[in-house]
Protein backbone atom coordinates (compact mmCIF):
# COMPACT_ATOMS: atom_id res chain seq x y z
CA UNK A 1 -54.84 114.82 82.46
CA UNK A 2 -53.89 112.09 79.90
CA UNK A 3 -54.62 109.02 82.17
CA UNK A 4 -57.53 108.24 79.81
CA UNK A 5 -54.90 108.05 76.90
CA UNK A 6 -52.52 105.81 78.75
CA UNK A 7 -55.00 103.37 80.37
CA UNK A 8 -55.59 101.44 77.13
CA UNK A 9 -52.00 100.98 76.58
CA UNK A 10 -51.52 99.49 80.01
CA UNK A 11 -53.27 96.07 79.20
CA UNK A 12 -51.18 95.52 76.12
CA UNK A 13 -47.85 96.38 78.08
CA UNK A 14 -48.67 94.39 81.12
CA UNK A 15 -49.61 91.54 78.88
CA UNK A 16 -46.11 91.42 76.94
CA UNK A 17 -44.13 91.74 80.31
CA UNK A 18 -46.26 88.79 81.60
CA UNK A 19 -45.43 86.82 78.30
CA UNK A 20 -41.88 87.53 78.57
CA UNK A 21 -41.54 86.70 82.17
CA UNK A 22 -40.31 90.19 83.21
CA UNK A 23 -41.53 90.15 86.76
CA UNK A 24 -39.36 92.89 87.75
CA UNK A 25 -40.72 95.27 84.99
CA UNK A 26 -44.27 94.04 85.55
CA UNK A 27 -43.88 95.11 89.32
CA UNK A 28 -42.43 98.52 88.54
CA UNK A 29 -45.17 99.18 86.02
CA UNK A 30 -47.86 98.09 88.60
CA UNK A 31 -46.37 100.19 91.10
CA UNK A 32 -46.55 103.33 88.67
CA UNK A 33 -49.93 102.53 87.86
CA UNK A 34 -50.94 102.27 91.47
CA UNK A 35 -49.57 105.70 91.95
CA UNK A 36 -51.30 106.86 88.90
CA UNK A 37 -54.71 105.59 90.01
CA UNK A 38 -54.20 106.86 93.66
CA UNK A 39 -53.77 110.49 92.32
CA UNK A 40 -56.60 109.93 89.92
CA UNK A 41 -58.83 108.93 93.02
CA UNK A 42 -59.46 105.31 91.87
CA UNK A 43 -58.43 103.86 95.04
CA UNK A 44 -59.91 100.44 94.38
CA UNK A 45 -57.91 100.08 91.26
CA UNK A 46 -55.01 101.50 92.96
CA UNK A 47 -55.16 98.87 95.65
CA UNK A 48 -55.46 95.92 93.27
CA UNK A 49 -52.20 97.31 91.36
CA UNK A 50 -50.24 97.79 94.68
CA UNK A 51 -51.11 94.25 95.76
CA UNK A 52 -50.06 92.84 92.45
CA UNK A 53 -46.83 94.92 92.37
CA UNK A 54 -45.89 93.75 95.88
CA UNK A 55 -46.37 90.01 94.77
CA UNK A 56 -44.55 90.42 91.61
CA UNK A 57 -41.42 92.57 93.13
CA UNK A 58 -38.59 90.08 93.08
CA UNK A 59 -35.68 92.01 93.96
CA UNK A 60 -35.21 94.13 97.02
CA UNK A 61 -35.11 97.41 95.04
CA UNK A 62 -38.45 96.59 93.38
CA UNK A 63 -39.96 95.29 96.48
CA UNK A 64 -39.11 98.75 98.10
CA UNK A 65 -40.77 100.60 95.35
CA UNK A 66 -43.77 98.32 95.49
CA UNK A 67 -44.00 98.91 99.13
CA UNK A 68 -43.48 102.58 99.04
CA UNK A 69 -46.31 103.19 96.67
CA UNK A 70 -48.71 101.04 98.47
CA UNK A 71 -47.79 102.91 101.56
CA UNK A 72 -48.76 106.08 99.80
CA UNK A 73 -52.02 104.63 98.59
CA UNK A 74 -52.82 103.19 102.10
CA UNK A 75 -51.93 106.87 103.53
CA UNK A 76 -54.14 108.49 100.97
CA UNK A 77 -57.09 106.14 101.96
CA UNK A 78 -56.46 106.95 105.67
CA UNK A 79 -55.37 103.57 106.52
CA UNK A 80 -52.76 104.28 109.22
CA UNK A 81 -51.89 100.73 110.17
CA UNK A 82 -51.47 99.44 106.78
CA UNK A 83 -49.43 102.61 105.64
CA UNK A 84 -47.08 102.20 108.64
CA UNK A 85 -46.53 98.35 107.79
CA UNK A 86 -45.77 99.13 104.15
CA UNK A 87 -43.45 101.80 105.29
CA UNK A 88 -41.63 99.55 107.59
CA UNK A 89 -41.40 96.82 104.75
CA UNK A 90 -40.07 99.48 102.41
CA UNK A 91 -37.47 100.32 104.99
CA UNK A 92 -36.40 96.78 105.36
CA UNK A 93 -36.19 96.32 101.63
CA UNK A 94 -34.07 99.33 101.18
CA UNK A 95 -31.64 98.31 103.88
CA UNK A 96 -31.41 94.79 102.30
CA UNK A 97 -30.72 96.49 98.88
CA UNK A 98 -27.99 98.62 100.35
CA UNK A 99 -26.52 95.54 102.17
CA UNK A 100 -26.79 93.47 99.04
CA UNK A 101 -24.96 96.05 96.99
CA UNK A 102 -22.31 96.44 99.39
CA UNK A 103 -21.62 92.68 100.11
CA UNK A 104 -21.47 92.36 95.90
CA UNK A 105 -18.86 95.11 95.95
CA UNK A 106 -20.92 97.32 93.73
CA UNK A 107 -19.21 100.71 93.12
CA UNK A 108 -20.94 103.49 94.86
CA UNK A 109 -22.82 101.17 97.17
CA UNK A 110 -26.21 102.64 98.06
CA UNK A 111 -25.81 105.30 95.32
CA UNK A 112 -25.02 102.89 92.38
CA UNK A 113 -28.76 102.82 91.18
CA UNK A 114 -31.33 100.03 91.23
């Protein structure tokens, strides 16, 4: 219900993240905006955010989030093959994140956070 309030704030936040070179934060914001626009029924805008998020997602965790949200958007649009492809990419990114955390000796392994 507050989408119309948050949309104008998006542009300035997105611009600040670009200026600061915060690609991970940008990808996370774009994933969230894809989710927001999907549920608002603005599927063209959601698709744009999904594509941007997957391009900007540098780390495996952020890549998993971006692909998962894009899979949701494709599923909402009835695009089965694209949905399944992004679901597979999500799974691969999650596996990479778990393996990377184990290799790095992060306490908690997969449960240690993003």
